[in-house]
Amino acid sequence: MLSELEKLERFLKIKPLYFDLESKEFVWLDTRLLPFEEVYRRTKDYRRVAEAIKNMEIRGAPAIGVSAAFGLALAAQESRARDAEGVLRDLEEARKLLAATRPTAYNLFWALERVMKRARGEAASGDPGRVAEGVLEEALKIYVEDVKTNVEIGRAGSKLLEDGARVLTHCNTGALATAGFGTALGVIRYAWYEGKMVEVITTETRPVLQGARLNVWELKKEGIPFKLIVDSAVAFVMKRGMADMAMVGADRIVLTGHAANKIGTLQVALAANYAEKPFYVVAPTSTIQRSWDPGAIVIEERGREEVITVMGRAEITLRDVEVYNPSFDVTPPELITAIVTEKGIAKKPFSESLPKML
């Protein structure tokens, strides 16, 4: 595991999060400060990890899942219980706190349940030390698998990009949204590594500006050509033929093919379909909820400060204005051309292709 971990980490150009095995600390890049400052935070407290997820220092469904897994590893490390059942109780308390951070990101719940399943299995030994070791090992597995999965997603999705492709994307789906490579932006990164000339059009992605801040930062580092547009320019750009396709990520997908992603994604899908351009969703299979009910997708609503200010700094409207701030929307399957995963490209009908992948 450790040699594989070291090999992967050397491969990553951008390392947004990791577990420091020497200091036993979880470390992450605070995405709120990008692109102007690159500040890494570190902690031994799972409560601080929960705070970082909730206030979007860490964001992106895969990154949230990996971080939550390491949060449980910290909780097991912190536990002073003298028996395995006591460690499980402490882990359950931590699980509840971490699960309450971001309700839409399915990877969060997937990762928490996977680590807890490992913890329950190790608890059968009665050894609290084995529980803590098992939890950390499972979290590290999730971390390594996420990087591998993203590379495989890139390999599969790059087949959709011809040399010279112009791709419109919404929100950040690169290394910063994962353990280190990316989903939709990872596809673009993989195609770029293959030597294909690609150009990206990224939206600003209001209100937290993940496109203007994070995509710009990542694309600059890679040297990939790009243009930044305001969110309201998407339909104009697509209709004018300035993009060959739209490619986005997802925070939760159900078996019908309904995909939840950053607010504004539905508008991108509508514009792409009207302009007769492909609209692709890119996500690992860990983002797919085994449910046939689109109503199972919880839409997170966030605070008013995100809307009435720019990143909590400059005010852009009246303080007492009424605000509605849904963080996600759901794109129906009829607007999605295909869903790219590490296991290949799911095509319509998604109700048949997605279950086969799982």
Protein backbone atom coordinates (compact mmCIF):
# COMPACT_ATOMS: atom_id res chain seq x y z
CA MET A 1 0.00 0.00 0.00
CA LEU A 2 2.72 2.50 1.02
CA SER A 3 4.86 1.96 -2.09
CA GLU A 4 1.78 2.32 -4.29
CA LEU A 5 0.83 5.47 -2.37
CA GLU A 6 4.27 7.03 -2.84
CA LYS A 7 4.27 6.19 -6.55
CA LEU A 8 0.87 7.81 -7.05
CA GLU A 9 1.74 10.92 -5.08
CA ARG A 10 4.89 11.49 -7.16
CA PHE A 11 2.69 11.30 -10.26
CA LEU A 12 0.32 14.04 -9.09
CA LYS A 13 1.11 17.53 -10.32
CA ILE A 14 -1.49 18.97 -7.97
CA LYS A 15 -1.80 17.38 -4.52
CA PRO A 16 -4.97 18.83 -2.97
CA LEU A 17 -5.17 16.51 0.06
CA TYR A 18 -3.31 13.66 1.73
CA PHE A 19 -2.65 11.91 5.04
CA ASP A 20 0.74 12.60 6.61
CA LEU A 21 1.74 9.17 7.92
CA GLU A 22 4.62 10.57 9.98
CA SER A 23 2.70 13.21 11.92
CA LYS A 24 -0.63 11.33 11.71
CA GLU A 25 -2.31 14.48 10.37
CA PHE A 26 -4.75 15.08 7.53
CA VAL A 27 -3.53 17.81 5.18
CA TRP A 28 -5.48 19.77 2.56
CA LEU A 29 -5.14 22.75 0.26
CA ASP A 30 -7.62 25.47 1.28
CA THR A 31 -9.48 26.06 -2.00
CA ARG A 32 -11.19 29.20 -0.67
CA LEU A 33 -7.93 31.12 -1.05
CA LEU A 34 -7.12 30.11 -4.62
CA PRO A 35 -5.99 31.38 -7.08
CA PHE A 36 -4.19 34.06 -5.03
CA GLU A 37 -2.79 32.01 -2.15
CA GLU A 38 -1.76 28.37 -1.83
CA VAL A 39 -2.23 27.51 1.84
CA TYR A 40 -2.21 23.98 3.24
CA ARG A 41 -4.10 23.24 6.46
CA ARG A 42 -3.48 20.25 8.71
CA THR A 43 -5.25 18.68 11.66
CA LYS A 44 -5.56 15.63 13.90
CA ASP A 45 -9.18 16.52 14.74
CA TYR A 46 -12.03 15.03 12.69
CA ARG A 47 -14.22 17.97 13.76
CA ARG A 48 -11.90 20.30 11.88
CA VAL A 49 -12.21 18.08 8.80
CA ALA A 50 -16.00 18.35 9.03
CA GLU A 51 -15.69 22.13 9.29
CA ALA A 52 -13.40 22.23 6.25
CA ILE A 53 -15.92 20.24 4.19
CA LYS A 54 -18.87 22.32 5.34
CA ASN A 55 -17.27 25.70 4.65
CA MET A 56 -15.84 24.51 1.30
CA GLU A 57 -12.15 24.60 2.08
CA ILE A 58 -12.51 21.09 0.64
CA ARG A 59 -15.10 20.68 -2.11
CA GLY A 60 -15.99 18.35 -4.97
CA ALA A 61 -17.76 15.06 -4.33
CA PRO A 62 -14.75 12.70 -4.64
CA ALA A 63 -12.56 15.00 -2.50
CA ILE A 64 -15.30 15.20 0.13
CA GLY A 65 -15.57 11.41 0.24
CA VAL A 66 -11.81 10.89 0.62
CA SER A 67 -11.59 13.61 3.27
CA ALA A 68 -14.46 12.15 5.27
CA ALA A 69 -12.75 8.75 5.21
CA PHE A 70 -9.60 10.32 6.65
CA GLY A 71 -11.81 12.14 9.17
CA LEU A 72 -12.92 8.76 10.50
CA ALA A 73 -9.28 7.66 10.64
CA LEU A 74 -8.56 10.68 12.85
CA ALA A 75 -11.57 9.85 15.04
CA ALA A 76 -10.27 6.29 15.55
CA GLN A 77 -6.82 7.68 16.28
CA GLU A 78 -8.30 10.09 18.86
CA SER A 79 -10.46 7.48 20.59
CA ARG A 80 -9.42 6.55 24.12
CA ALA A 81 -11.80 3.61 24.29
CA ARG A 82 -10.28 0.47 25.80
CA ASP A 83 -12.34 -1.94 23.75
CA ALA A 84 -13.36 -2.29 20.12
CA GLU A 85 -17.02 -1.50 20.78
CA GLY A 86 -16.01 1.77 22.42
CA VAL A 87 -14.02 2.76 19.32
CA LEU A 88 -17.07 1.95 17.18
CA ARG A 89 -19.20 4.27 19.32
CA ASP A 90 -16.67 7.06 18.88
CA LEU A 91 -16.57 6.42 15.15
CA GLU A 92 -20.35 6.55 14.91
CA GLU A 93 -20.36 9.95 16.59
CA ALA A 94 -17.77 11.17 14.08
CA ARG A 95 -19.69 9.62 11.18
CA LYS A 96 -22.86 11.54 12.10
CA LEU A 97 -20.97 14.85 12.22
CA LEU A 98 -19.21 14.25 8.91
CA ALA A 99 -22.42 13.04 7.21
CA ALA A 100 -24.19 16.29 8.14
CA THR A 101 -21.73 18.49 6.21
CA ARG A 102 -22.80 18.35 2.52
CA PRO A 103 -26.09 16.50 1.81
CA THR A 104 -25.87 16.26 -1.99
CA ALA A 105 -22.40 14.72 -2.42
CA TYR A 106 -23.06 10.97 -2.60
CA ASN A 107 -19.36 10.07 -2.32
CA LEU A 108 -19.51 11.38 1.25
CA PHE A 109 -22.02 8.75 2.34
CA TRP A 110 -20.43 6.03 0.20
CA ALA A 111 -17.00 6.58 1.80
CA LEU A 112 -18.34 6.84 5.34
CA GLU A 113 -20.28 3.58 5.03
CA ARG A 114 -17.33 1.79 3.46
CA VAL A 115 -14.97 2.80 6.29
CA MET A 116 -17.57 1.98 8.96
CA LYS A 117 -18.10 -1.47 7.40
CA ARG A 118 -14.36 -2.09 7.70
CA ALA A 119 -14.39 -0.83 11.29
CA ARG A 120 -17.25 -3.17 12.22
CA GLY A 121 -15.40 -6.07 10.65
CA GLU A 122 -12.21 -5.32 12.59
CA ALA A 123 -14.18 -4.87 15.81
CA ALA A 124 -15.04 -8.57 15.77
CA SER A 125 -11.48 -9.17 16.96
CA GLY A 126 -12.17 -7.19 20.12
CA ASP A 127 -8.89 -5.30 19.62
CA PRO A 128 -9.33 -1.47 19.55
CA GLY A 129 -5.92 -1.10 17.91
CA ARG A 130 -6.97 -3.27 15.00
CA VAL A 131 -10.05 -1.11 14.47
CA ALA A 132 -7.94 2.07 14.24
CA GLU A 133 -5.43 0.43 11.91
CA GLY A 134 -8.17 -0.98 9.70
CA VAL A 135 -9.95 2.37 9.42
CA LEU A 136 -6.77 4.18 8.34
CA GLU A 137 -5.93 1.43 5.87
CA GLU A 138 -9.42 1.65 4.32
CA ALA A 139 -9.19 5.44 4.08
CA LEU A 140 -5.82 5.13 2.32
CA LYS A 141 -7.34 2.58 -0.07
CA ILE A 142 -10.14 5.01 -0.93
CA TYR A 143 -7.54 7.72 -1.55
CA VAL A 144 -5.42 5.53 -3.85
CA GLU A 145 -8.48 4.18 -5.66
CA ASP A 146 -9.78 7.69 -6.29
CA VAL A 147 -6.59 8.71 -8.10
CA LYS A 148 -6.55 5.48 -10.12
CA THR A 149 -10.25 5.81 -10.90
CA ASN A 150 -9.83 9.37 -12.13
CA VAL A 151 -6.99 8.38 -14.45
CA GLU A 152 -9.19 5.60 -15.87
CA ILE A 153 -12.03 8.10 -16.31
CA GLY A 154 -9.61 10.32 -18.21
CA ARG A 155 -8.54 7.40 -20.39
CA ALA A 156 -12.16 6.52 -21.24
CA GLY A 157 -13.35 10.08 -21.74
CA SER A 158 -10.42 11.25 -23.84
CA LYS A 159 -11.77 9.12 -26.68
CA LEU A 160 -14.61 11.64 -26.95
CA LEU A 161 -12.16 14.49 -27.59
CA GLU A 162 -10.66 14.86 -31.03
CA ASP A 163 -7.52 16.87 -31.64
CA GLY A 164 -8.55 20.51 -31.58
CA ALA A 165 -11.65 19.93 -29.44
CA ARG A 166 -13.19 22.93 -27.67
CA VAL A 167 -14.86 21.94 -24.41
CA LEU A 168 -17.17 24.06 -22.29
CA THR A 169 -17.19 23.13 -18.61
CA HIS A 170 -19.01 24.35 -15.53
CA CYS A 171 -17.64 24.33 -11.97
CA ASN A 172 -14.33 22.76 -10.97
CA THR A 173 -13.96 19.04 -11.68
CA GLY A 174 -10.18 18.84 -11.72
CA ALA A 175 -7.55 17.73 -9.24
CA LEU A 176 -8.96 20.08 -6.60
CA ALA A 177 -12.31 18.28 -6.64
CA THR A 178 -10.74 14.84 -6.16
CA ALA A 179 -7.72 13.18 -4.58
CA GLY A 180 -5.55 14.57 -7.33
CA PHE A 181 -6.40 14.11 -11.05
CA GLY A 182 -9.97 15.09 -11.77
CA THR A 183 -13.16 13.91 -13.46
CA ALA A 184 -14.45 16.15 -16.29
CA LEU A 185 -11.35 18.33 -16.16
CA GLY A 186 -9.37 15.11 -15.72
CA VAL A 187 -10.64 13.95 -19.14
CA ILE A 188 -9.34 17.18 -20.64
CA ARG A 189 -6.05 16.78 -18.74
CA TYR A 190 -5.65 13.20 -20.03
CA ALA A 191 -6.31 14.26 -23.62
CA TRP A 192 -3.75 17.07 -23.21
CA TYR A 193 -1.17 14.56 -21.92
CA GLU A 194 -1.88 12.43 -25.01
CA GLY A 195 -0.77 15.36 -27.13
CA LYS A 196 -4.20 16.51 -28.29
CA MET A 197 -4.64 20.24 -28.72
CA VAL A 198 -7.70 21.08 -26.66
CA GLU A 199 -9.19 24.37 -25.58
CA VAL A 200 -11.40 24.90 -22.54
CA ILE A 201 -14.17 27.43 -22.04
CA THR A 202 -14.89 27.64 -18.33
CA THR A 203 -17.77 29.44 -16.70
CA GLU A 204 -17.10 31.63 -13.67
CA THR A 205 -19.56 29.43 -11.68
CA ARG A 206 -21.27 31.84 -9.34
CA PRO A 207 -21.65 32.29 -6.45
CA VAL A 208 -18.42 30.67 -5.16
CA LEU A 209 -16.57 31.09 -8.48
CA GLN A 210 -15.08 27.61 -8.74
CA GLY A 211 -14.50 28.19 -12.45
CA ALA A 212 -12.99 31.67 -12.22
CA ARG A 213 -10.78 30.71 -9.28
CA LEU A 214 -10.07 26.97 -9.37
CA ASN A 215 -10.34 25.99 -13.05
CA VAL A 216 -8.26 29.00 -14.03
CA TRP A 217 -5.61 28.04 -11.44
CA GLU A 218 -5.45 24.42 -12.62
CA LEU A 219 -5.52 25.17 -16.35
CA LYS A 220 -2.78 27.78 -15.94
CA LYS A 221 -0.59 25.24 -14.15
CA GLU A 222 -1.10 22.70 -16.94
CA GLY A 223 -0.65 25.22 -19.75
CA ILE A 224 -3.96 24.20 -21.31
CA PRO A 225 -5.49 27.03 -23.41
CA PHE A 226 -8.72 28.40 -21.97
CA LYS A 227 -11.19 31.24 -21.92
CA LEU A 228 -13.21 32.39 -18.92
CA ILE A 229 -16.83 33.42 -19.50
CA VAL A 230 -19.62 34.67 -17.26
CA ASP A 231 -22.30 32.09 -16.48
CA SER A 232 -24.91 33.97 -18.48
CA ALA A 233 -22.82 33.68 -21.68
CA VAL A 234 -23.20 29.89 -21.96
CA ALA A 235 -26.17 29.84 -24.36
CA PHE A 236 -24.58 32.52 -26.55
CA VAL A 237 -21.26 30.64 -26.71
CA MET A 238 -22.89 27.30 -27.49
CA LYS A 239 -25.23 28.70 -30.12
CA ARG A 240 -22.38 30.60 -31.80
CA GLY A 241 -20.48 27.33 -32.18
CA MET A 242 -17.54 28.35 -30.00
CA ALA A 243 -17.63 25.00 -28.16
CA ASP A 244 -17.90 21.50 -29.63
CA MET A 245 -19.39 19.98 -26.47
CA ALA A 246 -20.12 20.54 -22.80
CA MET A 247 -18.50 18.31 -20.19
CA VAL A 248 -19.37 18.52 -16.48
CA GLY A 249 -19.02 16.51 -13.29
CA ALA A 250 -21.65 15.23 -10.87
CA ASP A 251 -22.15 15.08 -7.12
CA ARG A 252 -24.82 12.39 -7.30
CA ILE A 253 -26.30 10.25 -10.07
CA VAL A 254 -29.24 7.86 -9.72
CA LEU A 255 -29.87 4.79 -11.85
CA THR A 256 -32.33 6.60 -14.10
CA GLY A 257 -29.47 8.86 -15.26
CA HIS A 258 -30.62 11.98 -13.43
CA ALA A 259 -27.43 13.82 -12.43
CA ALA A 260 -27.02 16.44 -9.71
CA ASN A 261 -24.23 18.96 -10.22
CA LYS A 262 -23.36 22.55 -9.39
CA ILE A 263 -26.21 25.01 -9.81
CA GLY A 264 -26.31 26.23 -13.41
CA THR A 265 -25.50 22.82 -14.91
CA LEU A 266 -29.09 22.33 -16.07
CA GLN A 267 -28.84 25.61 -18.00
CA VAL A 268 -25.64 24.38 -19.65
CA ALA A 269 -27.41 21.15 -20.65
CA LEU A 270 -30.36 23.03 -22.09
CA ALA A 271 -28.09 25.34 -24.06
CA ALA A 272 -25.99 22.45 -25.38
CA ASN A 273 -29.07 20.51 -26.48
CA TYR A 274 -30.59 23.56 -28.18
CA ALA A 275 -27.30 24.13 -30.01
CA GLU A 276 -27.22 20.41 -30.92
CA LYS A 277 -23.93 19.84 -29.11
CA PRO A 278 -23.11 16.78 -26.93
CA PHE A 279 -23.53 17.17 -23.18
CA TYR A 280 -21.42 14.72 -21.15
CA VAL A 281 -21.49 13.97 -17.43
CA VAL A 282 -18.24 12.61 -15.97
CA ALA A 283 -18.06 10.90 -12.58
CA PRO A 284 -16.75 7.79 -10.81
CA THR A 285 -19.18 4.95 -10.12
CA SER A 286 -18.89 5.83 -6.41
CA THR A 287 -21.02 8.88 -7.26
CA ILE A 288 -23.89 6.66 -8.45
CA GLN A 289 -26.56 6.05 -5.85
CA ARG A 290 -28.30 2.69 -6.16
CA SER A 291 -31.72 4.29 -6.35
CA TRP A 292 -34.32 4.62 -9.10
CA ASP A 293 -35.82 7.73 -7.50
CA PRO A 294 -34.58 11.16 -8.67
CA GLY A 295 -36.47 12.53 -5.66
CA ALA A 296 -33.82 10.88 -3.47
CA ILE A 297 -31.39 13.60 -4.53
CA VAL A 298 -31.22 16.17 -1.73
CA ILE A 299 -30.48 19.69 -2.97
CA GLU A 300 -28.26 21.56 -0.55
CA GLU A 301 -29.22 25.18 0.14
CA ARG A 302 -26.40 27.41 1.32
CA GLY A 303 -26.18 30.76 3.09
CA ARG A 304 -27.08 34.20 1.81
CA GLU A 305 -23.55 35.61 2.23
CA GLU A 306 -22.37 33.65 -0.81
CA VAL A 307 -24.88 35.52 -2.98
CA ILE A 308 -24.81 39.05 -1.61
CA THR A 309 -21.00 39.21 -1.53
CA VAL A 310 -18.07 38.07 -3.63
CA MET A 311 -16.35 35.40 -1.52
CA GLY A 312 -17.52 37.09 1.67
CA ARG A 313 -15.61 40.26 0.84
CA ALA A 314 -17.12 42.88 -1.44
CA GLU A 315 -20.88 43.40 -1.09
CA ILE A 316 -22.75 43.50 -4.38
CA THR A 317 -26.32 44.24 -3.25
CA LEU A 318 -28.43 45.41 -0.31
CA ARG A 319 -27.82 43.63 3.01
CA ASP A 320 -31.52 42.97 3.63
CA VAL A 321 -32.34 41.44 0.23
CA GLU A 322 -34.12 38.07 0.30
CA VAL A 323 -31.89 35.30 -1.07
CA TYR A 324 -32.47 31.77 -2.39
CA ASN A 325 -29.19 29.90 -2.83
CA PRO A 326 -29.55 26.26 -4.00
CA SER A 327 -26.07 24.82 -4.50
CA PHE A 328 -27.07 22.15 -7.04
CA ASP A 329 -29.59 21.34 -9.75
CA VAL A 330 -30.55 18.07 -11.44
CA THR A 331 -30.15 17.42 -15.16
CA PRO A 332 -32.62 14.84 -16.53
CA PRO A 333 -31.30 11.92 -18.64
CA GLU A 334 -32.93 13.12 -21.83
CA LEU A 335 -30.49 16.06 -21.88
CA ILE A 336 -27.38 13.91 -21.25
CA THR A 337 -25.55 12.42 -24.24
CA ALA A 338 -23.49 9.94 -22.19
CA ILE A 339 -22.06 9.40 -18.70
CA VAL A 340 -18.31 8.75 -18.49
CA THR A 341 -17.03 6.55 -15.64
CA GLU A 342 -13.86 4.59 -14.86
CA LYS A 343 -15.66 1.48 -16.15
CA GLY A 344 -16.41 3.00 -19.52
CA ILE A 345 -19.00 5.23 -21.12
CA ALA A 346 -22.64 4.63 -20.20
CA LYS A 347 -25.03 5.35 -23.04
CA LYS A 348 -28.82 5.60 -23.22
CA PRO A 349 -30.94 4.13 -21.86
CA PHE A 350 -29.06 4.82 -18.62
CA SER A 351 -31.56 2.68 -16.71
CA GLU A 352 -29.91 -0.28 -18.46
CA SER A 353 -26.27 0.82 -18.84
CA LEU A 354 -25.68 2.22 -15.34
CA PRO A 355 -26.81 -0.87 -13.35
CA LYS A 356 -24.53 -3.04 -15.51
CA MET A 357 -21.57 -0.93 -14.46
CA LEU A 358 -22.33 -1.49 -10.79
